[in-house]
């Protein structure tokens, strides 16, 4: 478990979200009519619905950043990962309708509509650039500190950019480095919170190291149970895009020790 709650540098988070959304804009502008009809690894969603979902995420940013903040305890990033699965059906319904209304056209119209979403989100980000990082803002599940909320938006944009690349059969998406770093850390910390303990050391170089899983706590020397992987593989494991056995068989994960099999704890996001 992390020794203390992680803090994120607001300027880096703002810059990462701006850069990641611009990378998505460029990718959407390259889509062809055939690309928009390709299936994705997200159930019935085609690329068209995936782009519509990303557009909705960006469209909602201004209201979330400036709208009324609900009462209640702050939602932590770890709690965010637990609750995402509870709204899957509602998200699917909203995205399906939105795609039919706003993203039914040819590639040029899809790109133009997505541009509006990116521009709206960028303006909203710029407007809160100097706000206090801990200022509570409204999210679907309750109040959340501003900077931590923006990291959850990085989760959306990084994970779904990877979904887009997978659907297109493309090389890994050109993610912003700081965006991947923040998402890796959030998901590693969420794992440590969800499965507390000190028996396993999870290493995701160069961004995160956490201890988790009940059992004898490691104190010095080489830990008896070590799991190591790269950031994108960890993000895919944590979000259910890759299975544990698949990643181990592909040598994308190194796992040593009798407690190092993490399949029972993954994915973190529903």
Protein backbone atom coordinates (compact mmCIF):
# COMPACT_ATOMS: atom_id res chain seq x y z
CA UNK A 1 0.00 0.00 0.00
CA UNK A 2 1.34 3.47 -0.73
CA UNK A 3 2.85 5.08 2.35
CA UNK A 4 0.55 8.06 1.87
CA UNK A 5 -2.05 9.33 -0.54
CA UNK A 6 -0.45 10.26 -3.82
CA UNK A 7 -0.53 13.85 -4.95
CA UNK A 8 -0.51 14.92 -8.57
CA UNK A 9 1.07 18.09 -9.92
CA UNK A 10 -1.80 20.20 -11.29
CA UNK A 11 0.19 21.81 -14.12
CA UNK A 12 1.37 18.41 -15.36
CA UNK A 13 -2.13 16.94 -15.19
CA UNK A 14 -3.63 19.87 -17.09
CA UNK A 15 -0.92 19.68 -19.74
CA UNK A 16 -1.26 15.92 -20.05
CA UNK A 17 -5.02 16.06 -20.55
CA UNK A 18 -4.68 18.80 -23.14
CA UNK A 19 -2.02 16.83 -25.03
CA UNK A 20 -3.93 13.55 -24.84
CA UNK A 21 -7.10 15.13 -26.21
CA UNK A 22 -5.15 16.69 -29.07
CA UNK A 23 -3.68 13.29 -29.90
CA UNK A 24 -7.22 11.91 -29.99
CA UNK A 25 -8.32 14.77 -32.24
CA UNK A 26 -5.56 13.90 -34.71
CA UNK A 27 -6.56 10.22 -34.64
CA UNK A 28 -10.24 10.99 -35.27
CA UNK A 29 -9.30 13.17 -38.24
CA UNK A 30 -7.55 10.17 -39.82
CA UNK A 31 -10.58 7.87 -39.61
CA UNK A 32 -12.15 6.64 -42.83
CA UNK A 33 -15.74 5.55 -43.41
CA UNK A 34 -14.64 1.92 -43.07
CA UNK A 35 -12.78 2.69 -39.84
CA UNK A 36 -15.91 4.13 -38.24
CA UNK A 37 -17.73 0.83 -38.77
CA UNK A 38 -15.01 -1.36 -37.31
CA UNK A 39 -15.93 -3.33 -34.17
CA UNK A 40 -14.15 -2.58 -30.91
CA UNK A 41 -13.41 -4.66 -27.83
CA UNK A 42 -16.24 -2.79 -26.05
CA UNK A 43 -19.22 -5.02 -26.68
CA UNK A 44 -21.50 -3.74 -29.43
CA UNK A 45 -19.65 -0.45 -29.88
CA UNK A 46 -18.12 0.30 -33.21
CA UNK A 47 -15.40 2.91 -33.58
CA UNK A 48 -18.23 5.36 -34.21
CA UNK A 49 -19.68 4.75 -30.72
CA UNK A 50 -16.23 4.83 -29.15
CA UNK A 51 -15.58 8.28 -30.62
CA UNK A 52 -19.02 9.39 -29.49
CA UNK A 53 -18.24 8.25 -25.95
CA UNK A 54 -15.00 10.23 -25.89
CA UNK A 55 -16.89 13.23 -27.20
CA UNK A 56 -19.43 12.94 -24.38
CA UNK A 57 -16.65 12.75 -21.80
CA UNK A 58 -15.18 15.98 -23.14
CA UNK A 59 -18.54 17.72 -23.57
CA UNK A 60 -19.40 17.18 -19.91
CA UNK A 61 -16.17 18.65 -18.61
CA UNK A 62 -17.31 22.32 -18.33
CA UNK A 63 -20.38 21.47 -16.24
CA UNK A 64 -18.39 19.12 -14.04
CA UNK A 65 -15.71 21.73 -13.42
CA UNK A 66 -18.02 24.65 -12.68
CA UNK A 67 -21.40 23.21 -11.74
CA UNK A 68 -22.91 22.69 -8.28
CA UNK A 69 -20.96 20.27 -6.11
CA UNK A 70 -23.05 17.55 -4.43
CA UNK A 71 -22.85 16.90 -0.71
CA UNK A 72 -21.03 13.92 0.66
CA UNK A 73 -17.52 12.70 1.34
CA UNK A 74 -14.95 13.16 -1.42
CA UNK A 75 -14.70 10.35 -3.94
CA UNK A 76 -11.17 8.94 -3.99
CA UNK A 77 -9.50 7.71 -7.18
CA UNK A 78 -9.65 4.17 -5.79
CA UNK A 79 -13.37 4.50 -5.16
CA UNK A 80 -13.80 5.81 -8.70
CA UNK A 81 -12.34 2.57 -10.08
CA UNK A 82 -14.77 0.54 -7.96
CA UNK A 83 -17.84 2.45 -9.07
CA UNK A 84 -17.28 2.59 -12.83
CA UNK A 85 -18.89 -0.78 -13.40
CA UNK A 86 -22.11 0.30 -11.71
CA UNK A 87 -22.93 2.73 -14.51
CA UNK A 88 -21.95 0.60 -17.51
CA UNK A 89 -25.53 0.10 -18.68
CA UNK A 90 -26.39 3.78 -18.34
CA UNK A 91 -23.24 4.78 -20.22
CA UNK A 92 -24.01 2.35 -23.03
CA UNK A 93 -27.53 3.73 -23.42
CA UNK A 94 -26.34 7.34 -23.44
CA UNK A 95 -23.55 6.67 -25.91
CA UNK A 96 -25.74 4.69 -28.30
CA UNK A 97 -28.28 7.51 -28.48
CA UNK A 98 -25.65 10.22 -28.73
CA UNK A 99 -23.83 8.42 -31.52
CA UNK A 100 -27.05 8.05 -33.50
CA UNK A 101 -27.87 11.75 -33.10
CA UNK A 102 -24.45 13.41 -33.38
CA UNK A 103 -22.06 10.93 -35.02
CA UNK A 104 -24.09 9.26 -37.75
CA UNK A 105 -22.47 11.18 -40.58
CA UNK A 106 -19.39 10.69 -42.77
CA UNK A 107 -15.81 10.99 -41.45
CA UNK A 108 -15.59 14.74 -42.04
CA UNK A 109 -18.74 15.41 -40.02
CA UNK A 110 -17.56 13.08 -37.25
CA UNK A 111 -14.22 14.89 -37.07
CA UNK A 112 -15.92 18.30 -37.01
CA UNK A 113 -18.22 17.24 -34.17
CA UNK A 114 -15.28 15.82 -32.23
CA UNK A 115 -13.38 19.06 -32.77
CA UNK A 116 -16.18 20.91 -30.97
CA UNK A 117 -15.82 18.59 -27.99
CA UNK A 118 -12.05 19.01 -27.82
CA UNK A 119 -12.30 22.80 -28.11
CA UNK A 120 -14.96 22.91 -25.38
CA UNK A 121 -12.85 20.78 -23.06
CA UNK A 122 -9.69 22.78 -23.72
CA UNK A 123 -11.47 26.04 -22.90
CA UNK A 124 -12.82 24.54 -19.67
CA UNK A 125 -9.35 23.32 -18.70
CA UNK A 126 -7.81 26.71 -19.36
CA UNK A 127 -10.47 28.39 -17.21
CA UNK A 128 -9.54 26.33 -14.12
CA UNK A 129 -5.78 26.19 -14.66
CA UNK A 130 -5.09 28.39 -11.63
CA UNK A 131 -7.72 26.90 -9.31
CA UNK A 132 -6.76 25.13 -6.10
CA UNK A 133 -5.98 21.45 -6.77
CA UNK A 134 -8.20 20.32 -3.89
CA UNK A 135 -11.22 22.41 -4.89
CA UNK A 136 -14.15 19.99 -5.01
CA UNK A 137 -15.86 19.51 -8.36
CA UNK A 138 -18.86 17.46 -9.38
CA UNK A 139 -18.45 14.03 -10.86
CA UNK A 140 -20.95 11.25 -11.48
CA UNK A 141 -20.30 9.61 -8.11
CA UNK A 142 -20.02 12.69 -5.89
CA UNK A 143 -17.52 15.47 -5.09
CA UNK A 144 -13.87 14.98 -6.00
CA UNK A 145 -10.80 17.21 -5.70
CA UNK A 146 -10.14 19.00 -8.98
CA UNK A 147 -6.76 17.55 -9.88
CA UNK A 148 -7.73 14.00 -8.95
CA UNK A 149 -10.88 14.35 -11.04
CA UNK A 150 -8.79 15.42 -14.04
CA UNK A 151 -6.66 12.30 -13.56
CA UNK A 152 -9.84 10.24 -13.93
CA UNK A 153 -10.40 12.03 -17.25
CA UNK A 154 -6.92 10.90 -18.21
CA UNK A 155 -8.03 7.34 -17.44
CA UNK A 156 -10.90 7.76 -19.91
CA UNK A 157 -8.76 9.27 -22.66
CA UNK A 158 -5.77 6.93 -22.29
CA UNK A 159 -7.77 3.71 -21.98
CA UNK A 160 -10.10 4.54 -24.86
CA UNK A 161 -7.27 5.75 -27.07
CA UNK A 162 -5.79 2.29 -26.60
CA UNK A 163 -9.18 0.79 -27.47
CA UNK A 164 -9.18 2.85 -30.66
CA UNK A 165 -5.72 1.68 -31.66
CA UNK A 166 -6.74 -1.94 -31.02
CA UNK A 167 -9.87 -1.56 -33.16
CA UNK A 168 -7.88 -0.11 -36.03
CA UNK A 169 -5.12 -2.71 -35.77
CA UNK A 170 -2.68 0.15 -35.41
CA UNK A 171 0.61 0.54 -33.63
CA UNK A 172 0.32 1.63 -29.98
CA UNK A 173 -1.44 4.97 -29.73
CA UNK A 174 0.93 7.96 -29.40
CA UNK A 175 -0.14 8.72 -25.83
CA UNK A 176 1.15 11.70 -23.93
CA UNK A 177 3.88 10.40 -21.60
CA UNK A 178 2.60 12.24 -18.53
CA UNK A 179 -0.92 10.99 -19.21
CA UNK A 180 0.25 7.37 -19.17
CA UNK A 181 2.29 8.04 -16.03
CA UNK A 182 -0.69 9.46 -14.13
CA UNK A 183 -3.03 6.65 -15.20
CA UNK A 184 -0.46 3.99 -14.30
CA UNK A 185 -0.03 5.47 -10.83
CA UNK A 186 -3.74 5.85 -10.18
CA UNK A 187 -4.42 2.23 -11.12
CA UNK A 188 -1.44 0.92 -9.14
CA UNK A 189 -2.57 2.86 -6.06
CA UNK A 190 -6.13 1.61 -6.54
CA UNK A 191 -4.82 -1.96 -6.63
CA UNK A 192 -2.91 -1.43 -3.38
CA UNK A 193 -6.01 0.09 -1.77
CA UNK A 194 -8.29 -2.67 -3.03
CA UNK A 195 -5.97 -5.54 -2.02
CA UNK A 196 -4.13 -4.21 1.03
CA UNK A 197 -1.04 -5.94 2.36
CA UNK A 198 2.67 -6.20 1.84
CA UNK A 199 3.27 -9.68 0.46
CA UNK A 200 3.56 -8.68 -3.22
CA UNK A 201 5.52 -5.87 -4.76
CA UNK A 202 3.99 -4.60 -8.00
CA UNK A 203 6.49 -2.78 -10.19
CA UNK A 204 5.45 -0.78 -13.23
CA UNK A 205 8.65 1.00 -14.23
CA UNK A 206 9.32 3.83 -14.53
CA UNK A 207 6.11 5.11 -12.94
CA UNK A 208 4.92 3.06 -9.98
CA UNK A 209 5.88 0.62 -7.24
CA UNK A 210 3.33 -0.50 -4.64
CA UNK A 211 2.98 -3.30 -2.13
CA UNK A 212 -0.26 -5.23 -1.83
CA UNK A 213 -1.88 -8.60 -1.00
CA UNK A 214 -2.15 -10.09 2.47
CA UNK A 215 0.73 -12.18 3.75
CA UNK A 216 4.24 -11.78 5.14
CA UNK A 217 5.34 -8.19 4.62
CA UNK A 218 8.59 -7.58 2.81
CA UNK A 219 11.02 -5.38 4.76
CA UNK A 220 14.45 -5.70 3.20
CA UNK A 221 16.35 -7.40 0.40
CA UNK A 222 14.66 -8.95 -2.61
CA UNK A 223 10.89 -9.29 -2.12
CA UNK A 224 9.70 -12.91 -2.21
CA UNK A 225 6.77 -12.05 -4.50
CA UNK A 226 7.36 -9.62 -7.34
CA UNK A 227 5.17 -8.72 -10.31
CA UNK A 228 6.64 -6.47 -12.96
CA UNK A 229 5.16 -5.19 -16.21
CA UNK A 230 5.16 -2.19 -18.49
CA UNK A 231 2.70 0.70 -18.12
CA UNK A 232 0.38 -0.14 -21.02
CA UNK A 233 0.16 -3.81 -20.06
CA UNK A 234 -0.68 -2.81 -16.49
CA UNK A 235 -3.37 -0.41 -17.72
CA UNK A 236 -4.84 -3.16 -19.91
CA UNK A 237 -4.80 -5.67 -17.04
CA UNK A 238 -6.36 -3.21 -14.61
CA UNK A 239 -9.15 -2.33 -17.04
CA UNK A 240 -9.85 -5.84 -18.31
CA UNK A 241 -8.48 -5.30 -21.81
CA UNK A 242 -5.92 -8.07 -21.29
CA UNK A 243 -6.28 -11.22 -19.22
CA UNK A 244 -3.67 -12.26 -16.67
CA UNK A 245 -2.83 -15.60 -18.33
CA UNK A 246 -2.61 -13.96 -21.74
CA UNK A 247 -0.17 -11.33 -20.48
CA UNK A 248 1.99 -13.89 -18.65
CA UNK A 249 2.07 -16.23 -21.66
CA UNK A 250 3.14 -13.33 -23.88
CA UNK A 251 5.95 -12.49 -21.42
CA UNK A 252 4.40 -9.05 -20.93
CA UNK A 253 4.27 -9.78 -17.19
CA UNK A 254 7.03 -11.21 -15.01
CA UNK A 255 5.60 -12.85 -11.89
CA UNK A 256 7.69 -14.65 -9.27
CA UNK A 257 6.67 -16.08 -5.91
CA UNK A 258 3.79 -18.17 -4.61
CA UNK A 259 1.55 -15.14 -4.10
CA UNK A 260 2.38 -13.37 -7.35
CA UNK A 261 -0.62 -14.59 -9.36
CA UNK A 262 -2.90 -11.54 -9.40
CA UNK A 263 -5.70 -12.84 -11.63
CA UNK A 264 -8.17 -13.05 -8.73
CA UNK A 265 -7.85 -9.29 -8.13
CA UNK A 266 -8.15 -8.04 -11.70
CA UNK A 267 -9.61 -6.14 -13.44
CA UNK A 268 -10.05 -3.11 -11.19
CA UNK A 269 -12.49 -1.28 -13.44
CA UNK A 270 -15.84 -2.84 -14.16
